[in-house]
Protein backbone atom coordinates (compact mmCIF):
# COMPACT_ATOMS: atom_id res chain seq x y z
CA UNK A 1 0.00 0.00 0.00
CA UNK A 2 1.25 3.48 -0.87
CA UNK A 3 1.77 6.02 1.90
CA UNK A 4 0.46 9.57 1.81
CA UNK A 5 4.00 10.93 1.50
CA UNK A 6 4.68 8.66 -1.49
CA UNK A 7 1.41 9.75 -3.11
CA UNK A 8 2.23 13.43 -2.60
CA UNK A 9 5.74 12.95 -4.02
CA UNK A 10 4.33 11.18 -7.07
CA UNK A 11 1.69 13.89 -7.52
CA UNK A 12 4.41 16.56 -7.65
CA UNK A 13 5.62 15.01 -10.90
CA UNK A 14 2.19 15.48 -12.51
CA UNK A 15 1.15 18.51 -14.51
CA UNK A 16 -0.97 21.10 -12.70
CA UNK A 17 -4.04 19.94 -14.66
CA UNK A 18 -3.45 16.33 -13.62
CA UNK A 19 -2.85 17.38 -9.99
CA UNK A 20 -6.22 19.17 -9.98
CA UNK A 21 -7.90 16.15 -11.57
CA UNK A 22 -6.33 13.83 -8.99
CA UNK A 23 -7.39 16.08 -6.12
CA UNK A 24 -10.94 16.21 -7.51
CA UNK A 25 -11.10 12.43 -7.80
CA UNK A 26 -9.77 12.00 -4.27
CA UNK A 27 -12.38 14.42 -2.90
CA UNK A 28 -15.16 12.53 -4.71
CA UNK A 29 -13.90 9.24 -3.32
CA UNK A 30 -13.74 10.62 0.21
CA UNK A 31 -17.26 12.07 -0.12
CA UNK A 32 -18.62 8.69 -1.27
CA UNK A 33 -16.88 6.84 1.54
CA UNK A 34 -18.12 9.36 4.10
CA UNK A 35 -21.71 8.95 2.89
CA UNK A 36 -21.33 5.19 2.96
CA UNK A 37 -20.01 5.19 6.52
CA UNK A 38 -22.76 7.58 7.64
CA UNK A 39 -25.45 5.40 6.06
CA UNK A 40 -24.07 2.28 7.77
CA UNK A 41 -23.94 4.06 11.14
CA UNK A 42 -27.51 5.27 10.69
CA UNK A 43 -28.72 1.78 9.82
CA UNK A 44 -26.96 0.32 12.87
CA UNK A 45 -28.48 2.98 15.12
CA UNK A 46 -31.98 2.20 13.87
CA UNK A 47 -31.44 -1.54 14.27
CA UNK A 48 -30.11 -1.13 17.81
CA UNK A 49 -32.64 1.49 18.95
CA UNK A 50 -35.01 -0.12 21.48
CA UNK A 51 -37.63 2.57 20.83
CA UNK A 52 -38.09 1.62 17.17
CA UNK A 53 -41.56 0.14 16.89
CA UNK A 54 -42.56 1.25 20.37
CA UNK A 55 -45.42 3.34 19.04
CA UNK A 56 -46.65 0.89 16.44
CA UNK A 57 -50.18 0.52 17.73
CA UNK A 58 -53.59 0.42 16.18
CA UNK A 59 -54.84 3.41 14.18
CA UNK A 60 -57.56 3.83 16.83
CA UNK A 61 -54.92 4.34 19.48
CA UNK A 62 -53.28 7.04 17.40
CA UNK A 63 -56.53 8.91 16.75
CA UNK A 64 -57.86 8.56 20.30
CA UNK A 65 -54.58 9.17 22.14
CA UNK A 66 -55.62 12.48 23.67
CA UNK A 67 -59.04 11.13 24.73
CA UNK A 68 -57.46 8.03 26.29
CA UNK A 69 -54.92 10.18 28.13
CA UNK A 70 -57.65 12.43 29.54
CA UNK A 71 -59.60 9.38 30.71
CA UNK A 72 -56.51 7.99 32.45
CA UNK A 73 -55.82 11.33 34.15
CA UNK A 74 -59.48 11.54 35.23
CA UNK A 75 -59.38 8.05 36.75
CA UNK A 76 -56.22 8.80 38.75
CA UNK A 77 -57.60 12.00 40.33
C-alpha atoms as a PDB file:
ATOM      1  CA  UNK A   1       0.000   0.000   0.000  1.00  0.00           C
ATOM      2  CA  UNK A   2       1.251   3.483  -0.866  1.00  0.00           C
ATOM      3  CA  UNK A   3       1.774   6.024   1.903  1.00  0.00           C
ATOM      4  CA  UNK A   4       0.456   9.573   1.813  1.00  0.00           C
ATOM      5  CA  UNK A   5       4.001  10.927   1.496  1.00  0.00           C
ATOM      6  CA  UNK A   6       4.680   8.657  -1.490  1.00  0.00           C
ATOM      7  CA  UNK A   7       1.413   9.746  -3.109  1.00  0.00           C
ATOM      8  CA  UNK A   8       2.234  13.431  -2.604  1.00  0.00           C
ATOM      9  CA  UNK A   9       5.741  12.949  -4.019  1.00  0.00           C
ATOM     10  CA  UNK A  10       4.333  11.176  -7.075  1.00  0.00           C
ATOM     11  CA  UNK A  11       1.688  13.887  -7.517  1.00  0.00           C
ATOM     12  CA  UNK A  12       4.413  16.558  -7.648  1.00  0.00           C
ATOM     13  CA  UNK A  13       5.621  15.007 -10.903  1.00  0.00           C
ATOM     14  CA  UNK A  14       2.185  15.477 -12.510  1.00  0.00           C
ATOM     15  CA  UNK A  15       1.149  18.506 -14.509  1.00  0.00           C
ATOM     16  CA  UNK A  16      -0.969  21.104 -12.703  1.00  0.00           C
ATOM     17  CA  UNK A  17      -4.039  19.940 -14.662  1.00  0.00           C
ATOM     18  CA  UNK A  18      -3.452  16.326 -13.615  1.00  0.00           C
ATOM     19  CA  UNK A  19      -2.851  17.378  -9.989  1.00  0.00           C
ATOM     20  CA  UNK A  20      -6.217  19.173  -9.979  1.00  0.00           C
ATOM     21  CA  UNK A  21      -7.898  16.153 -11.569  1.00  0.00           C
ATOM     22  CA  UNK A  22      -6.327  13.826  -8.990  1.00  0.00           C
ATOM     23  CA  UNK A  23      -7.394  16.084  -6.122  1.00  0.00           C
ATOM     24  CA  UNK A  24     -10.936  16.211  -7.506  1.00  0.00           C
ATOM     25  CA  UNK A  25     -11.096  12.426  -7.799  1.00  0.00           C
ATOM     26  CA  UNK A  26      -9.771  11.999  -4.269  1.00  0.00           C
ATOM     27  CA  UNK A  27     -12.381  14.420  -2.899  1.00  0.00           C
ATOM     28  CA  UNK A  28     -15.157  12.529  -4.714  1.00  0.00           C
ATOM     29  CA  UNK A  29     -13.902   9.241  -3.316  1.00  0.00           C
ATOM     30  CA  UNK A  30     -13.743  10.617   0.215  1.00  0.00           C
ATOM     31  CA  UNK A  31     -17.262  12.066  -0.116  1.00  0.00           C
ATOM     32  CA  UNK A  32     -18.618   8.692  -1.269  1.00  0.00           C
ATOM     33  CA  UNK A  33     -16.880   6.841   1.543  1.00  0.00           C
ATOM     34  CA  UNK A  34     -18.121   9.364   4.104  1.00  0.00           C
ATOM     35  CA  UNK A  35     -21.709   8.954   2.888  1.00  0.00           C
ATOM     36  CA  UNK A  36     -21.334   5.188   2.956  1.00  0.00           C
ATOM     37  CA  UNK A  37     -20.015   5.187   6.521  1.00  0.00           C
ATOM     38  CA  UNK A  38     -22.757   7.583   7.644  1.00  0.00           C
ATOM     39  CA  UNK A  39     -25.452   5.398   6.063  1.00  0.00           C
ATOM     40  CA  UNK A  40     -24.070   2.281   7.766  1.00  0.00           C
ATOM     41  CA  UNK A  41     -23.942   4.059  11.136  1.00  0.00           C
ATOM     42  CA  UNK A  42     -27.507   5.271  10.692  1.00  0.00           C
ATOM     43  CA  UNK A  43     -28.715   1.777   9.820  1.00  0.00           C
ATOM     44  CA  UNK A  44     -26.961   0.322  12.871  1.00  0.00           C
ATOM     45  CA  UNK A  45     -28.475   2.978  15.117  1.00  0.00           C
ATOM     46  CA  UNK A  46     -31.977   2.202  13.869  1.00  0.00           C
ATOM     47  CA  UNK A  47     -31.436  -1.536  14.270  1.00  0.00           C
ATOM     48  CA  UNK A  48     -30.106  -1.130  17.813  1.00  0.00           C
ATOM     49  CA  UNK A  49     -32.637   1.485  18.955  1.00  0.00           C
ATOM     50  CA  UNK A  50     -35.006  -0.119  21.480  1.00  0.00           C
ATOM     51  CA  UNK A  51     -37.629   2.573  20.826  1.00  0.00           C
ATOM     52  CA  UNK A  52     -38.094   1.622  17.174  1.00  0.00           C
ATOM     53  CA  UNK A  53     -41.559   0.138  16.888  1.00  0.00           C
ATOM     54  CA  UNK A  54     -42.562   1.247  20.372  1.00  0.00           C
ATOM     55  CA  UNK A  55     -45.416   3.341  19.042  1.00  0.00           C
ATOM     56  CA  UNK A  56     -46.652   0.889  16.444  1.00  0.00           C
ATOM     57  CA  UNK A  57     -50.179   0.518  17.733  1.00  0.00           C
ATOM     58  CA  UNK A  58     -53.593   0.420  16.179  1.00  0.00           C
ATOM     59  CA  UNK A  59     -54.845   3.412  14.183  1.00  0.00           C
ATOM     60  CA  UNK A  60     -57.558   3.826  16.827  1.00  0.00           C
ATOM     61  CA  UNK A  61     -54.917   4.335  19.476  1.00  0.00           C
ATOM     62  CA  UNK A  62     -53.285   7.039  17.399  1.00  0.00           C
ATOM     63  CA  UNK A  63     -56.530   8.907  16.750  1.00  0.00           C
ATOM     64  CA  UNK A  64     -57.865   8.561  20.297  1.00  0.00           C
ATOM     65  CA  UNK A  65     -54.582   9.173  22.140  1.00  0.00           C
ATOM     66  CA  UNK A  66     -55.625  12.482  23.669  1.00  0.00           C
ATOM     67  CA  UNK A  67     -59.038  11.132  24.726  1.00  0.00           C
ATOM     68  CA  UNK A  68     -57.456   8.034  26.287  1.00  0.00           C
ATOM     69  CA  UNK A  69     -54.917  10.180  28.128  1.00  0.00           C
ATOM     70  CA  UNK A  70     -57.651  12.431  29.538  1.00  0.00           C
ATOM     71  CA  UNK A  71     -59.603   9.379  30.706  1.00  0.00           C
ATOM     72  CA  UNK A  72     -56.506   7.990  32.448  1.00  0.00           C
ATOM     73  CA  UNK A  73     -55.816  11.328  34.155  1.00  0.00           C
ATOM     74  CA  UNK A  74     -59.476  11.539  35.232  1.00  0.00           C
ATOM     75  CA  UNK A  75     -59.376   8.052  36.753  1.00  0.00           C
ATOM     76  CA  UNK A  76     -56.223   8.796  38.750  1.00  0.00           C
ATOM     77  CA  UNK A  77     -57.595  12.003  40.326  1.00  0.00           C
END
